[in-house]
Amino acid sequence: MAEETPNAEAYWKANLRLITGCLVVWAAVSYGAAILLRPLLAGIAVGGTDLGFWFAQQGSILTFIGLIFFYAWKMNRLDKQFGLGE
């Protein structure tokens, strides 16, 4: 049982690092690009509207969906690395 503890701790730390990274990207896109940087992005046109509005309406959703697939891919690799694959 003592042999599994360091492996479990390393797995948990890697999992938390991955979750934290995903949350930072999500927050940066959702709050940073859509709210805080909107005045700076107002002059850039994308699809007939400004880039700040686009990030608020579409970009943050697409980024979130991308993060879901990225998280699943990375967790599968992490599971295999620690011998927990299916």
PDB file of N, CA and C in Angstrom:
ATOM      1  N   MET A   1       0.819  -1.188   0.000  1.00  0.00           N
ATOM      2  CA  MET A   1       0.000   0.000   0.000  1.00  0.00           C
ATOM      3  C   MET A   1       0.863   1.251   0.000  1.00  0.00           C
ATOM      4  N   ALA A   2       2.002   1.210   0.682  1.00  0.00           N
ATOM      5  CA  ALA A   2       2.882   2.371   0.741  1.00  0.00           C
ATOM      6  C   ALA A   2       3.505   2.674  -0.609  1.00  0.00           C
ATOM      7  N   GLU A   3       3.643   1.641  -1.472  1.00  0.00           N
ATOM      8  CA  GLU A   3       4.211   1.853  -2.794  1.00  0.00           C
ATOM      9  C   GLU A   3       3.257   2.631  -3.699  1.00  0.00           C
ATOM     10  N   GLU A   4       1.963   2.523  -3.469  1.00  0.00           N
ATOM     11  CA  GLU A   4       0.979   3.199  -4.307  1.00  0.00           C
ATOM     12  C   GLU A   4       0.814   4.666  -3.930  1.00  0.00           C
ATOM     13  N   THR A   5       1.182   5.051  -2.721  1.00  0.00           N
ATOM     14  CA  THR A   5       0.957   6.416  -2.258  1.00  0.00           C
ATOM     15  C   THR A   5       1.727   7.452  -3.078  1.00  0.00           C
ATOM     16  N   PRO A   6       3.034   7.286  -3.325  1.00  0.00           N
ATOM     17  CA  PRO A   6       3.724   8.295  -4.146  1.00  0.00           C
ATOM     18  C   PRO A   6       3.156   8.372  -5.562  1.00  0.00           C
ATOM     19  N   ASN A   7       2.794   7.213  -6.134  1.00  0.00           N
ATOM     20  CA  ASN A   7       2.214   7.194  -7.468  1.00  0.00           C
ATOM     21  C   ASN A   7       0.862   7.903  -7.484  1.00  0.00           C
ATOM     22  N   ALA A   8       0.047   7.670  -6.467  1.00  0.00           N
ATOM     23  CA  ALA A   8      -1.260   8.327  -6.380  1.00  0.00           C
ATOM     24  C   ALA A   8      -1.103   9.833  -6.172  1.00  0.00           C
ATOM     25  N   GLU A   9      -0.128  10.223  -5.361  1.00  0.00           N
ATOM     26  CA  GLU A   9       0.107  11.656  -5.136  1.00  0.00           C
ATOM     27  C   GLU A   9       0.589  12.339  -6.406  1.00  0.00           C
ATOM     28  N   ALA A  10       1.464  11.693  -7.151  1.00  0.00           N
ATOM     29  CA  ALA A  10       1.954  12.272  -8.405  1.00  0.00           C
ATOM     30  C   ALA A  10       0.823  12.382  -9.428  1.00  0.00           C
ATOM     31  N   TYR A  11      -0.025  11.361  -9.470  1.00  0.00           N
ATOM     32  CA  TYR A  11      -1.173  11.387 -10.378  1.00  0.00           C
ATOM     33  C   TYR A  11      -2.105  12.537 -10.014  1.00  0.00           C
ATOM     34  N   TRP A  12      -2.377  12.697  -8.735  1.00  0.00           N
ATOM     35  CA  TRP A  12      -3.287  13.756  -8.286  1.00  0.00           C
ATOM     36  C   TRP A  12      -2.694  15.133  -8.573  1.00  0.00           C
ATOM     37  N   LYS A  13      -1.396  15.304  -8.345  1.00  0.00           N
ATOM     38  CA  LYS A  13      -0.751  16.593  -8.633  1.00  0.00           C
ATOM     39  C   LYS A  13      -0.812  16.910 -10.123  1.00  0.00           C
ATOM     40  N   ALA A  14      -0.560  15.898 -10.960  1.00  0.00           N
ATOM     41  CA  ALA A  14      -0.634  16.117 -12.406  1.00  0.00           C
ATOM     42  C   ALA A  14      -2.060  16.460 -12.826  1.00  0.00           C
ATOM     43  N   ASN A  15      -3.037  15.807 -12.223  1.00  0.00           N
ATOM     44  CA  ASN A  15      -4.438  16.090 -12.518  1.00  0.00           C
ATOM     45  C   ASN A  15      -4.797  17.518 -12.110  1.00  0.00           C
ATOM     46  N   LEU A  16      -4.387  17.930 -10.936  1.00  0.00           N
ATOM     47  CA  LEU A  16      -4.669  19.300 -10.484  1.00  0.00           C
ATOM     48  C   LEU A  16      -3.980  20.342 -11.359  1.00  0.00           C
ATOM     49  N   ARG A  17      -2.760  20.046 -11.801  1.00  0.00           N
ATOM     50  CA  ARG A  17      -2.042  20.963 -12.694  1.00  0.00           C
ATOM     51  C   ARG A  17      -2.803  21.123 -14.006  1.00  0.00           C
ATOM     52  N   LEU A  18      -3.322  20.018 -14.532  1.00  0.00           N
ATOM     53  CA  LEU A  18      -4.090  20.057 -15.773  1.00  0.00           C
ATOM     54  C   LEU A  18      -5.388  20.846 -15.590  1.00  0.00           C
ATOM     55  N   ILE A  19      -6.096  20.595 -14.510  1.00  0.00           N
ATOM     56  CA  ILE A  19      -7.346  21.314 -14.238  1.00  0.00           C
ATOM     57  C   ILE A  19      -7.080  22.805 -14.072  1.00  0.00           C
ATOM     58  N   THR A  20      -6.034  23.138 -13.331  1.00  0.00           N
ATOM     59  CA  THR A  20      -5.691  24.556 -13.124  1.00  0.00           C
ATOM     60  C   THR A  20      -5.360  25.237 -14.437  1.00  0.00           C
ATOM     61  N   GLY A  21      -4.589  24.578 -15.274  1.00  0.00           N
ATOM     62  CA  GLY A  21      -4.250  25.147 -16.578  1.00  0.00           C
ATOM     63  C   GLY A  21      -5.479  25.386 -17.436  1.00  0.00           C
ATOM     64  N   CYS A  22      -6.392  24.415 -17.447  1.00  0.00           N
ATOM     65  CA  CYS A  22      -7.632  24.574 -18.218  1.00  0.00           C
ATOM     66  C   CYS A  22      -8.483  25.720 -17.680  1.00  0.00           C
ATOM     67  N   LEU A  23      -8.566  25.839 -16.366  1.00  0.00           N
ATOM     68  CA  LEU A  23      -9.349  26.929 -15.774  1.00  0.00           C
ATOM     69  C   LEU A  23      -8.727  28.297 -16.062  1.00  0.00           C
ATOM     70  N   VAL A  24      -7.414  28.367 -16.077  1.00  0.00           N
ATOM     71  CA  VAL A  24      -6.739  29.639 -16.387  1.00  0.00           C
ATOM     72  C   VAL A  24      -7.032  30.048 -17.829  1.00  0.00           C
ATOM     73  N   VAL A  25      -6.956  29.096 -18.753  1.00  0.00           N
ATOM     74  CA  VAL A  25      -7.266  29.405 -20.159  1.00  0.00           C
ATOM     75  C   VAL A  25      -8.721  29.837 -20.292  1.00  0.00           C
ATOM     76  N   TRP A  26      -9.632  29.100 -19.650  1.00  0.00           N
ATOM     77  CA  TRP A  26     -11.052  29.440 -19.713  1.00  0.00           C
ATOM     78  C   TRP A  26     -11.305  30.846 -19.169  1.00  0.00           C
ATOM     79  N   ALA A  27     -10.706  31.174 -18.017  1.00  0.00           N
ATOM     80  CA  ALA A  27     -10.913  32.494 -17.413  1.00  0.00           C
ATOM     81  C   ALA A  27     -10.306  33.591 -18.280  1.00  0.00           C
ATOM     82  N   ALA A  28      -9.138  33.331 -18.843  1.00  0.00           N
ATOM     83  CA  ALA A  28      -8.494  34.343 -19.686  1.00  0.00           C
ATOM     84  C   ALA A  28      -9.331  34.653 -20.918  1.00  0.00           C
ATOM     85  N   VAL A  29      -9.896  33.631 -21.523  1.00  0.00           N
ATOM     86  CA  VAL A  29     -10.715  33.854 -22.718  1.00  0.00           C
ATOM     87  C   VAL A  29     -12.062  34.461 -22.336  1.00  0.00           C
ATOM     88  N   SER A  30     -12.698  33.920 -21.310  1.00  0.00           N
ATOM     89  CA  SER A  30     -14.030  34.398 -20.942  1.00  0.00           C
ATOM     90  C   SER A  30     -14.017  35.810 -20.386  1.00  0.00           C
ATOM     91  N   TYR A  31     -13.139  36.049 -19.444  1.00  0.00           N
ATOM     92  CA  TYR A  31     -13.110  37.367 -18.800  1.00  0.00           C
ATOM     93  C   TYR A  31     -12.139  38.324 -19.463  1.00  0.00           C
ATOM     94  N   GLY A  32     -10.985  37.806 -19.833  1.00  0.00           N
ATOM     95  CA  GLY A  32      -9.966  38.670 -20.418  1.00  0.00           C
ATOM     96  C   GLY A  32     -10.363  39.203 -21.771  1.00  0.00           C
ATOM     97  N   ALA A  33     -10.564  38.300 -22.733  1.00  0.00           N
ATOM     98  CA  ALA A  33     -10.854  38.723 -24.103  1.00  0.00           C
ATOM     99  C   ALA A  33     -12.254  39.294 -24.241  1.00  0.00           C
ATOM    100  N   ALA A  34     -13.223  38.732 -23.528  1.00  0.00           N
ATOM    101  CA  ALA A  34     -14.612  39.150 -23.716  1.00  0.00           C
ATOM    102  C   ALA A  34     -14.978  40.402 -22.931  1.00  0.00           C
ATOM    103  N   ILE A  35     -14.395  40.609 -21.774  1.00  0.00           N
ATOM    104  CA  ILE A  35     -14.808  41.735 -20.926  1.00  0.00           C
ATOM    105  C   ILE A  35     -13.704  42.777 -20.792  1.00  0.00           C
ATOM    106  N   LEU A  36     -12.548  42.367 -20.316  1.00  0.00           N
ATOM    107  CA  LEU A  36     -11.488  43.331 -20.027  1.00  0.00           C
ATOM    108  C   LEU A  36     -10.846  43.917 -21.281  1.00  0.00           C
ATOM    109  N   LEU A  37     -10.650  43.090 -22.306  1.00  0.00           N
ATOM    110  CA  LEU A  37      -9.985  43.566 -23.518  1.00  0.00           C
ATOM    111  C   LEU A  37     -10.956  43.972 -24.624  1.00  0.00           C
ATOM    112  N   ARG A  38     -12.246  43.994 -24.333  1.00  0.00           N
ATOM    113  CA  ARG A  38     -13.232  44.314 -25.373  1.00  0.00           C
ATOM    114  C   ARG A  38     -12.990  45.679 -26.018  1.00  0.00           C
ATOM    115  N   PRO A  39     -12.698  46.719 -25.264  1.00  0.00           N
ATOM    116  CA  PRO A  39     -12.451  48.007 -25.939  1.00  0.00           C
ATOM    117  C   PRO A  39     -11.261  47.959 -26.898  1.00  0.00           C
ATOM    118  N   LEU A  40     -10.237  47.189 -26.563  1.00  0.00           N
ATOM    119  CA  LEU A  40      -9.077  47.083 -27.447  1.00  0.00           C
ATOM    120  C   LEU A  40      -9.370  46.240 -28.685  1.00  0.00           C
ATOM    121  N   LEU A  41     -10.280  45.290 -28.559  1.00  0.00           N
ATOM    122  CA  LEU A  41     -10.609  44.400 -29.666  1.00  0.00           C
ATOM    123  C   LEU A  41     -11.762  44.917 -30.514  1.00  0.00           C
ATOM    124  N   ALA A  42     -12.332  46.071 -30.164  1.00  0.00           N
ATOM    125  CA  ALA A  42     -13.514  46.599 -30.853  1.00  0.00           C
ATOM    126  C   ALA A  42     -13.232  46.957 -32.307  1.00  0.00           C
ATOM    127  N   GLY A  43     -12.008  47.315 -32.635  1.00  0.00           N
ATOM    128  CA  GLY A  43     -11.697  47.736 -34.000  1.00  0.00           C
ATOM    129  C   GLY A  43     -11.449  46.589 -34.958  1.00  0.00           C
ATOM    130  N   ILE A  44     -11.360  45.370 -34.479  1.00  0.00           N
ATOM    131  CA  ILE A  44     -11.069  44.217 -35.329  1.00  0.00           C
ATOM    132  C   ILE A  44     -12.387  43.529 -35.683  1.00  0.00           C
ATOM    133  N   ALA A  45     -12.692  43.484 -36.982  1.00  0.00           N
ATOM    134  CA  ALA A  45     -13.963  42.909 -37.428  1.00  0.00           C
ATOM    135  C   ALA A  45     -13.821  41.414 -37.701  1.00  0.00           C
ATOM    136  N   VAL A  46     -14.766  40.644 -37.176  1.00  0.00           N
ATOM    137  CA  VAL A  46     -14.829  39.196 -37.424  1.00  0.00           C
ATOM    138  C   VAL A  46     -16.297  38.840 -37.652  1.00  0.00           C
ATOM    139  N   GLY A  47     -16.603  38.328 -38.816  1.00  0.00           N
ATOM    140  CA  GLY A  47     -17.972  37.911 -39.104  1.00  0.00           C
ATOM    141  C   GLY A  47     -19.000  39.022 -39.011  1.00  0.00           C
ATOM    142  N   GLY A  48     -18.633  40.232 -39.347  1.00  0.00           N
ATOM    143  CA  GLY A  48     -19.572  41.340 -39.333  1.00  0.00           C
ATOM    144  C   GLY A  48     -19.726  42.019 -37.982  1.00  0.00           C
ATOM    145  N   THR A  49     -18.965  41.613 -36.985  1.00  0.00           N
ATOM    146  CA  THR A  49     -19.026  42.229 -35.664  1.00  0.00           C
ATOM    147  C   THR A  49     -17.601  42.394 -35.128  1.00  0.00           C
ATOM    148  N   ASP A  50     -17.467  43.096 -34.021  1.00  0.00           N
ATOM    149  CA  ASP A  50     -16.109  43.286 -33.502  1.00  0.00           C
ATOM    150  C   ASP A  50     -15.638  42.039 -32.748  1.00  0.00           C
ATOM    151  N   LEU A  51     -14.326  41.892 -32.625  1.00  0.00           N
ATOM    152  CA  LEU A  51     -13.720  40.699 -32.044  1.00  0.00           C
ATOM    153  C   LEU A  51     -14.071  40.525 -30.569  1.00  0.00           C
ATOM    154  N   GLY A  52     -14.194  41.605 -29.815  1.00  0.00           N
ATOM    155  CA  GLY A  52     -14.569  41.516 -28.414  1.00  0.00           C
ATOM    156  C   GLY A  52     -15.954  40.918 -28.228  1.00  0.00           C
ATOM    157  N   PHE A  53     -16.910  41.354 -29.039  1.00  0.00           N
ATOM    158  CA  PHE A  53     -18.265  40.795 -28.992  1.00  0.00           C
ATOM    159  C   PHE A  53     -18.247  39.328 -29.404  1.00  0.00           C
ATOM    160  N   TRP A  54     -17.450  39.010 -30.438  1.00  0.00           N
ATOM    161  CA  TRP A  54     -17.361  37.636 -30.908  1.00  0.00           C
ATOM    162  C   TRP A  54     -16.845  36.718 -29.800  1.00  0.00           C
ATOM    163  N   PHE A  55     -15.804  37.144 -29.074  1.00  0.00           N
ATOM    164  CA  PHE A  55     -15.284  36.334 -27.963  1.00  0.00           C
ATOM    165  C   PHE A  55     -16.346  36.153 -26.884  1.00  0.00           C
ATOM    166  N   ALA A  56     -17.102  37.191 -26.611  1.00  0.00           N
ATOM    167  CA  ALA A  56     -18.129  37.090 -25.573  1.00  0.00           C
ATOM    168  C   ALA A  56     -19.232  36.124 -25.984  1.00  0.00           C
ATOM    169  N   GLN A  57     -19.599  36.105 -27.263  1.00  0.00           N
ATOM    170  CA  GLN A  57     -20.726  35.288 -27.710  1.00  0.00           C
ATOM    171  C   GLN A  57     -20.325  33.902 -28.196  1.00  0.00           C
ATOM    172  N   GLN A  58     -19.262  33.804 -28.959  1.00  0.00           N
ATOM    173  CA  GLN A  58     -18.911  32.539 -29.591  1.00  0.00           C
ATOM    174  C   GLN A  58     -17.547  32.000 -29.138  1.00  0.00           C
ATOM    175  N   GLY A  59     -16.593  32.875 -29.035  1.00  0.00           N
ATOM    176  CA  GLY A  59     -15.225  32.441 -28.766  1.00  0.00           C
ATOM    177  C   GLY A  59     -15.060  31.717 -27.445  1.00  0.00           C
ATOM    178  N   SER A  60     -15.711  32.214 -26.403  1.00  0.00           N
ATOM    179  CA  SER A  60     -15.574  31.556 -25.108  1.00  0.00           C
ATOM    180  C   SER A  60     -16.251  30.188 -25.113  1.00  0.00           C
ATOM    181  N   ILE A  61     -17.349  30.049 -25.839  1.00  0.00           N
ATOM    182  CA  ILE A  61     -18.027  28.755 -25.929  1.00  0.00           C
ATOM    183  C   ILE A  61     -17.172  27.769 -26.709  1.00  0.00           C
ATOM    184  N   LEU A  62     -16.629  28.198 -27.843  1.00  0.00           N
ATOM    185  CA  LEU A  62     -15.773  27.319 -28.641  1.00  0.00           C
ATOM    186  C   LEU A  62     -14.502  26.945 -27.883  1.00  0.00           C
ATOM    187  N   THR A  63     -13.965  27.894 -27.130  1.00  0.00           N
ATOM    188  CA  THR A  63     -12.783  27.595 -26.321  1.00  0.00           C
ATOM    189  C   THR A  63     -13.126  26.575 -25.242  1.00  0.00           C
ATOM    190  N   PHE A  64     -14.274  26.708 -24.615  1.00  0.00           N
ATOM    191  CA  PHE A  64     -14.693  25.761 -23.585  1.00  0.00           C
ATOM    192  C   PHE A  64     -14.863  24.356 -24.169  1.00  0.00           C
ATOM    193  N   ILE A  65     -15.471  24.248 -25.339  1.00  0.00           N
ATOM    194  CA  ILE A  65     -15.622  22.947 -25.989  1.00  0.00           C
ATOM    195  C   ILE A  65     -14.250  22.366 -26.336  1.00  0.00           C
ATOM    196  N   GLY A  66     -13.351  23.213 -26.833  1.00  0.00           N
ATOM    197  CA  GLY A  66     -11.987  22.769 -27.118  1.00  0.00           C
ATOM    198  C   GLY A  66     -11.273  22.287 -25.863  1.00  0.00           C
ATOM    199  N   LEU A  67     -11.492  22.974 -24.753  1.00  0.00           N
ATOM    200  CA  LEU A  67     -10.881  22.571 -23.485  1.00  0.00           C
ATOM    201  C   LEU A  67     -11.410  21.215 -23.011  1.00  0.00           C
ATOM    202  N   ILE A  68     -12.672  20.930 -23.264  1.00  0.00           N
ATOM    203  CA  ILE A  68     -13.239  19.630 -22.890  1.00  0.00           C
ATOM    204  C   ILE A  68     -12.509  18.514 -23.623  1.00  0.00           C
ATOM    205  N   PHE A  69     -12.336  18.663 -24.938  1.00  0.00           N
ATOM    206  CA  PHE A  69     -11.627  17.643 -25.713  1.00  0.00           C
ATOM    207  C   PHE A  69     -10.152  17.563 -25.306  1.00  0.00           C
ATOM    208  N   PHE A  70      -9.523  18.710 -25.062  1.00  0.00           N
ATOM    209  CA  PHE A  70      -8.129  18.726 -24.624  1.00  0.00           C
ATOM    210  C   PHE A  70      -7.972  18.009 -23.284  1.00  0.00           C
ATOM    211  N   TYR A  71      -8.878  18.285 -22.346  1.00  0.00           N
ATOM    212  CA  TYR A  71      -8.813  17.652 -21.029  1.00  0.00           C
ATOM    213  C   TYR A  71      -8.986  16.134 -21.143  1.00  0.00           C
ATOM    214  N   ALA A  72      -9.926  15.685 -21.942  1.00  0.00           N
ATOM    215  CA  ALA A  72     -10.140  14.245 -22.119  1.00  0.00           C
ATOM    216  C   ALA A  72      -8.911  13.585 -22.736  1.00  0.00           C
ATOM    217  N   TRP A  73      -8.309  14.223 -23.732  1.00  0.00           N
ATOM    218  CA  TRP A  73      -7.109  13.690 -24.382  1.00  0.00           C
ATOM    219  C   TRP A  73      -5.948  13.605 -23.399  1.00  0.00           C
ATOM    220  N   LYS A  74      -5.727  14.697 -22.647  1.00  0.00           N
ATOM    221  CA  LYS A  74      -4.621  14.714 -21.680  1.00  0.00           C
ATOM    222  C   LYS A  74      -4.854  13.723 -20.541  1.00  0.00           C
ATOM    223  N   MET A  75      -6.092  13.581 -20.073  1.00  0.00           N
ATOM    224  CA  MET A  75      -6.365  12.634 -18.998  1.00  0.00           C
ATOM    225  C   MET A  75      -6.162  11.197 -19.465  1.00  0.00           C
ATOM    226  N   ASN A  76      -6.494  10.894 -20.705  1.00  0.00           N
ATOM    227  CA  ASN A  76      -6.225   9.556 -21.235  1.00  0.00           C
ATOM    228  C   ASN A  76      -4.721   9.285 -21.263  1.00  0.00           C
ATOM    229  N   ARG A  77      -3.936  10.274 -21.673  1.00  0.00           N
ATOM    230  CA  ARG A  77      -2.480  10.113 -21.663  1.00  0.00           C
ATOM    231  C   ARG A  77      -1.952   9.979 -20.241  1.00  0.00           C
ATOM    232  N   LEU A  78      -2.505  10.757 -19.318  1.00  0.00           N
ATOM    233  CA  LEU A  78      -2.094  10.694 -17.917  1.00  0.00           C
ATOM    234  C   LEU A  78      -2.442   9.335 -17.304  1.00  0.00           C
ATOM    235  N   ASP A  79      -3.618   8.824 -17.624  1.00  0.00           N
ATOM    236  CA  ASP A  79      -4.016   7.503 -17.140  1.00  0.00           C
ATOM    237  C   ASP A  79      -3.059   6.421 -17.642  1.00  0.00           C
ATOM    238  N   LYS A  80      -2.698   6.481 -18.913  1.00  0.00           N
ATOM    239  CA  LYS A  80      -1.764   5.494 -19.448  1.00  0.00           C
ATOM    240  C   LYS A  80      -0.386   5.617 -18.812  1.00  0.00           C
ATOM    241  N   GLN A  81       0.038   6.867 -18.576  1.00  0.00           N
ATOM    242  CA  GLN A  81       1.344   7.104 -17.963  1.00  0.00           C
ATOM    243  C   GLN A  81       1.422   6.496 -16.567  1.00  0.00           C
ATOM    244  N   PHE A  82       0.336   6.539 -15.817  1.00  0.00           N
ATOM    245  CA  PHE A  82       0.324   6.017 -14.461  1.00  0.00           C
ATOM    246  C   PHE A  82      -0.270   4.604 -14.379  1.00  0.00           C
ATOM    247  N   GLY A  83      -0.473   3.971 -15.531  1.00  0.00           N
ATOM    248  CA  GLY A  83      -0.962   2.595 -15.551  1.00  0.00           C
ATOM    249  C   GLY A  83      -2.420   2.443 -15.175  1.00  0.00           C
ATOM    250  N   LEU A  84      -3.213   3.457 -15.432  1.00  0.00           N
ATOM    251  CA  LEU A  84      -4.636   3.421 -15.088  1.00  0.00           C
ATOM    252  C   LEU A  84      -5.523   3.394 -16.324  1.00  0.00           C
ATOM    253  N   GLY A  85      -4.938   3.086 -17.490  1.00  0.00           N
ATOM    254  CA  GLY A  85      -5.710   3.076 -18.729  1.00  0.00           C
ATOM    255  C   GLY A  85      -6.774   2.003 -18.731  1.00  0.00           C
ATOM    256  N   GLU A  86      -7.694   2.158 -19.661  1.00  0.00           N
ATOM    257  CA  GLU A  86      -8.826   1.216 -19.721  1.00  0.00           C
ATOM    258  C   GLU A  86      -8.409  -0.120 -20.226  1.00  0.00           C
TER     259      GLU A  86
END
